[in-house]
Amino acid sequence: MRPTRISYNTDLTAFTRCLLECYKQEVEAMNKEIQNMSEIEKLCSLLAQYIVVPENVQVPENLMIAGGVGSGKTTLLKALFRTLSLDAEYDFTTRKKKEVGNLNLNRFISAKELIKLTQSIGEFPNLYVDYNYFLLIDDVGSEETFVKSYGTTIRVMEDIICMRADRGMRTIISTNYDKDALGRYYQSVRVADRLKDYALIEMNNQSYRGL
């Protein structure tokens, strides 16, 4: 862990409010309703506390959002991605756009999409590892663990998790597994070791969305 300011906005309440609004919009876009608003508010607050960090305060560099199918992990991750994108351009306290925006290097992608990308280009997707300050990866542990390309085995997610952790780059993943089970899924001591340092937000295996 190292001291660093993550968010351009420093108002925790304002960031939480924006994240919650983005979550609501994601749910509405699916023509669904939030079943447990108080629980979602708590989750958004926990997530915001990981992002909005005072200067010289240490926080884990990486984060795992874990929960069962339909618990809203993907929705929460998409809402965070939208909030981080807005974070670079808007002052959440005044709700006004900045005259000069900040650099925004964030990416949202599913683990399965990363595998498909690797298969299509025939090599490790360095663009995702090297250039995105925040990399949000959805549904980790649902994808194939490796890709074969011209006789070479590419362990996509294993290398992404390990390489970004070693470089101090922030990775946020969602998964149906707990830390131990995810390490076993990749059959990798490297992954299991890096996951120990991940912060954890659990979504309690219940669905927060209705029809």
Protein backbone atom coordinates (compact mmCIF):
# COMPACT_ATOMS: atom_id res chain seq x y z
CA MET A 1 0.00 0.00 0.00
CA ARG A 2 1.16 3.52 -0.68
CA PRO A 3 -0.24 6.97 0.17
CA THR A 4 -2.01 8.60 -2.75
CA ARG A 5 -5.07 10.64 -3.55
CA ILE A 6 -7.31 8.63 -5.86
CA SER A 7 -10.29 10.83 -6.64
CA TYR A 8 -10.20 14.36 -8.06
CA ASN A 9 -13.19 15.10 -5.82
CA THR A 10 -12.47 15.22 -2.10
CA ASP A 11 -16.03 15.43 -0.76
CA LEU A 12 -16.96 11.89 0.33
CA THR A 13 -20.65 12.67 0.67
CA ALA A 14 -20.83 14.26 -2.77
CA PHE A 15 -18.95 11.36 -4.38
CA THR A 16 -21.28 8.85 -2.67
CA ARG A 17 -24.30 10.79 -3.89
CA CYS A 18 -23.05 10.72 -7.47
CA LEU A 19 -22.23 7.00 -7.28
CA LEU A 20 -25.68 6.22 -5.90
CA GLU A 21 -27.35 8.24 -8.65
CA CYS A 22 -25.33 6.42 -11.30
CA TYR A 23 -26.37 3.10 -9.75
CA LYS A 24 -30.03 4.12 -9.88
CA GLN A 25 -29.68 5.08 -13.53
CA GLU A 26 -28.05 1.74 -14.37
CA VAL A 27 -30.93 -0.12 -12.74
CA GLU A 28 -33.54 2.06 -14.47
CA ALA A 29 -31.87 1.41 -17.84
CA MET A 30 -32.62 -2.30 -17.29
CA ASN A 31 -36.28 -1.49 -16.50
CA LYS A 32 -35.84 -2.80 -12.97
CA GLU A 33 -36.23 -1.41 -9.48
CA ILE A 34 -33.91 -1.39 -6.48
CA GLN A 35 -35.28 -3.72 -3.82
CA ASN A 36 -33.19 -2.63 -0.84
CA MET A 37 -32.22 1.02 -1.13
CA SER A 38 -30.70 1.26 2.36
CA GLU A 39 -28.31 -1.61 1.59
CA ILE A 40 -27.31 -0.09 -1.74
CA GLU A 41 -26.63 3.23 -0.01
CA LYS A 42 -24.31 1.41 2.42
CA LEU A 43 -22.50 -0.31 -0.45
CA CYS A 44 -22.03 2.97 -2.33
CA SER A 45 -20.71 4.58 0.84
CA LEU A 46 -18.20 1.75 1.37
CA LEU A 47 -17.05 1.97 -2.23
CA ALA A 48 -16.74 5.75 -2.08
CA GLN A 49 -14.55 5.48 1.03
CA TYR A 50 -12.12 3.39 -0.99
CA ILE A 51 -12.00 5.99 -3.78
CA VAL A 52 -12.16 9.30 -1.89
CA VAL A 53 -9.10 9.14 0.32
CA PRO A 54 -7.47 12.08 2.14
CA GLU A 55 -3.88 12.95 1.32
CA ASN A 56 -1.27 10.71 2.97
CA VAL A 57 -3.80 8.06 4.04
CA GLN A 58 -2.98 4.50 3.04
CA VAL A 59 -5.63 2.29 1.45
CA PRO A 60 -5.38 -1.05 -0.37
CA GLU A 61 -4.57 -0.44 -4.01
CA ASN A 62 -6.98 -3.09 -5.30
CA LEU A 63 -10.56 -4.03 -4.55
CA MET A 64 -12.78 -7.10 -4.96
CA ILE A 65 -16.57 -6.86 -5.11
CA ALA A 66 -17.88 -10.35 -4.34
CA GLY A 67 -21.40 -11.75 -4.37
CA GLY A 68 -23.78 -14.21 -5.93
CA VAL A 69 -25.38 -14.09 -9.36
CA GLY A 70 -27.86 -11.21 -9.65
CA SER A 71 -26.64 -9.42 -6.53
CA GLY A 72 -25.81 -6.27 -8.49
CA LYS A 73 -22.02 -6.53 -8.77
CA THR A 74 -21.95 -5.60 -12.45
CA THR A 75 -24.39 -2.76 -11.89
CA LEU A 76 -22.26 -1.39 -9.06
CA LEU A 77 -19.09 -1.69 -11.14
CA LYS A 78 -20.70 0.09 -14.12
CA ALA A 79 -21.97 2.83 -11.80
CA LEU A 80 -18.46 3.29 -10.40
CA PHE A 81 -16.99 3.49 -13.89
CA ARG A 82 -19.47 6.24 -14.82
CA THR A 83 -18.74 8.06 -11.56
CA LEU A 84 -14.98 7.90 -12.14
CA SER A 85 -15.49 9.26 -15.66
CA LEU A 86 -17.53 12.15 -14.28
CA ASP A 87 -15.01 12.62 -11.47
CA ALA A 88 -12.45 13.91 -13.94
CA GLU A 89 -14.79 16.55 -15.38
CA TYR A 90 -17.15 17.69 -12.62
CA ASP A 91 -16.98 19.15 -9.14
CA PHE A 92 -19.44 16.92 -7.27
CA THR A 93 -19.90 19.43 -4.45
CA THR A 94 -21.04 22.32 -6.66
CA ARG A 95 -22.37 19.97 -9.37
CA LYS A 96 -20.67 22.08 -12.01
CA LYS A 97 -18.39 21.12 -14.86
CA LYS A 98 -14.76 22.15 -14.44
CA GLU A 99 -13.29 24.71 -16.80
CA VAL A 100 -10.33 22.40 -17.35
CA GLY A 101 -10.90 18.68 -16.88
CA ASN A 102 -8.40 16.24 -15.40
CA LEU A 103 -6.76 13.27 -17.09
CA ASN A 104 -9.14 10.30 -17.17
CA LEU A 105 -7.57 6.87 -17.71
CA ASN A 106 -10.25 4.39 -16.67
CA ARG A 107 -11.54 1.26 -18.37
CA PHE A 108 -14.45 -1.12 -17.75
CA ILE A 109 -14.39 -4.56 -19.37
CA SER A 110 -15.52 -8.08 -18.53
CA ALA A 111 -13.04 -10.90 -18.03
CA LYS A 112 -14.63 -12.80 -20.92
CA GLU A 113 -14.16 -9.79 -23.21
CA LEU A 114 -10.48 -9.66 -22.25
CA ILE A 115 -10.14 -13.31 -23.28
CA LYS A 116 -11.87 -12.64 -26.62
CA LEU A 117 -9.63 -9.63 -27.22
CA THR A 118 -6.53 -11.70 -26.51
CA GLN A 119 -7.73 -14.41 -28.89
CA SER A 120 -8.40 -11.87 -31.63
CA ILE A 121 -5.04 -10.06 -31.43
CA GLY A 122 -3.06 -13.19 -30.61
CA GLU A 123 -1.08 -11.61 -27.81
CA PHE A 124 -1.35 -10.28 -24.27
CA PRO A 125 -3.51 -7.09 -24.13
CA ASN A 126 -0.82 -4.74 -22.79
CA LEU A 127 -2.97 -1.68 -23.52
CA TYR A 128 -5.25 -2.60 -20.62
CA VAL A 129 -2.43 -3.30 -18.19
CA ASP A 130 -0.16 -0.36 -18.90
CA TYR A 131 -2.33 2.68 -19.61
CA ASN A 132 -5.43 2.62 -17.41
CA TYR A 133 -5.04 4.04 -13.92
CA PHE A 134 -8.30 2.39 -12.90
CA LEU A 135 -9.07 -0.95 -14.55
CA LEU A 136 -12.49 -2.34 -13.65
CA ILE A 137 -12.93 -6.00 -14.62
CA ASP A 138 -16.34 -7.64 -14.34
CA ASP A 139 -17.17 -11.31 -13.67
CA VAL A 140 -13.64 -12.47 -12.93
CA GLY A 141 -13.47 -16.25 -12.65
CA SER A 142 -16.07 -16.88 -15.35
CA GLU A 143 -13.58 -16.82 -18.22
CA GLU A 144 -11.11 -19.36 -19.59
CA THR A 145 -7.94 -19.24 -17.54
CA PHE A 146 -5.59 -19.08 -20.52
CA VAL A 147 -5.39 -18.51 -24.27
CA LYS A 148 -3.25 -20.53 -26.67
CA SER A 149 -1.65 -18.46 -29.43
CA TYR A 150 0.94 -19.84 -31.86
CA GLY A 151 2.06 -22.40 -29.29
CA THR A 152 2.30 -19.84 -26.49
CA THR A 153 0.11 -20.00 -23.39
CA ILE A 154 -1.18 -16.56 -22.32
CA ARG A 155 -2.58 -16.47 -18.78
CA VAL A 156 -4.58 -13.30 -19.25
CA MET A 157 -6.29 -12.58 -15.94
CA GLU A 158 -3.53 -14.14 -13.86
CA ASP A 159 -0.95 -11.84 -15.44
CA ILE A 160 -3.21 -8.77 -15.27
CA ILE A 161 -3.88 -9.28 -11.56
CA CYS A 162 -0.21 -9.86 -10.76
CA MET A 163 1.36 -7.28 -13.07
CA ARG A 164 -0.91 -4.43 -12.02
CA ALA A 165 -0.48 -5.25 -8.33
CA ASP A 166 3.28 -5.27 -8.74
CA ARG A 167 3.18 -1.90 -10.52
CA GLY A 168 0.88 -0.26 -7.97
CA MET A 169 -1.93 0.26 -10.50
CA ARG A 170 -5.47 0.14 -9.21
CA THR A 171 -7.61 -2.82 -10.26
CA ILE A 172 -11.20 -3.37 -9.17
CA ILE A 173 -12.80 -6.72 -9.93
CA SER A 174 -16.20 -8.30 -9.44
CA THR A 175 -16.52 -12.03 -8.92
CA ASN A 176 -18.80 -14.80 -7.65
CA TYR A 177 -15.85 -16.25 -5.68
CA ASP A 178 -14.19 -15.42 -2.40
CA LYS A 179 -10.44 -14.75 -2.36
CA ASP A 180 -9.37 -18.31 -1.61
CA ALA A 181 -11.70 -19.85 -4.20
CA LEU A 182 -10.57 -17.39 -6.89
CA GLY A 183 -6.93 -18.26 -6.23
CA ARG A 184 -7.80 -21.95 -6.59
CA TYR A 185 -9.70 -21.24 -9.82
CA TYR A 186 -6.52 -19.95 -11.46
CA GLN A 187 -4.42 -22.65 -9.76
CA SER A 188 -1.90 -19.92 -9.11
CA VAL A 189 0.06 -19.15 -5.96
CA ARG A 190 0.88 -15.76 -7.54
CA VAL A 191 -2.80 -14.81 -7.81
CA ALA A 192 -3.65 -16.10 -4.33
CA ASP A 193 -0.79 -14.02 -2.89
CA ARG A 194 -1.86 -10.79 -4.66
CA LEU A 195 -5.52 -11.27 -3.70
CA LYS A 196 -4.58 -11.23 -0.01
CA ASP A 197 -3.94 -7.49 -0.33
CA TYR A 198 -7.28 -6.74 -2.03
CA ALA A 199 -9.89 -4.82 -0.07
CA LEU A 200 -13.24 -6.64 -0.09
CA ILE A 201 -16.84 -5.50 -0.47
CA GLU A 202 -19.36 -8.33 -0.11
CA MET A 203 -22.84 -8.14 -1.60
CA ASN A 204 -24.29 -10.91 0.58
CA ASN A 205 -25.52 -13.14 -2.26
CA GLN A 206 -28.95 -11.56 -2.51
CA SER A 207 -30.53 -9.70 -5.38
CA TYR A 208 -31.10 -5.97 -4.95
CA ARG A 209 -33.01 -5.67 -8.23
CA GLY A 210 -36.63 -6.50 -8.90
CA LEU A 211 -38.58 -7.02 -12.10
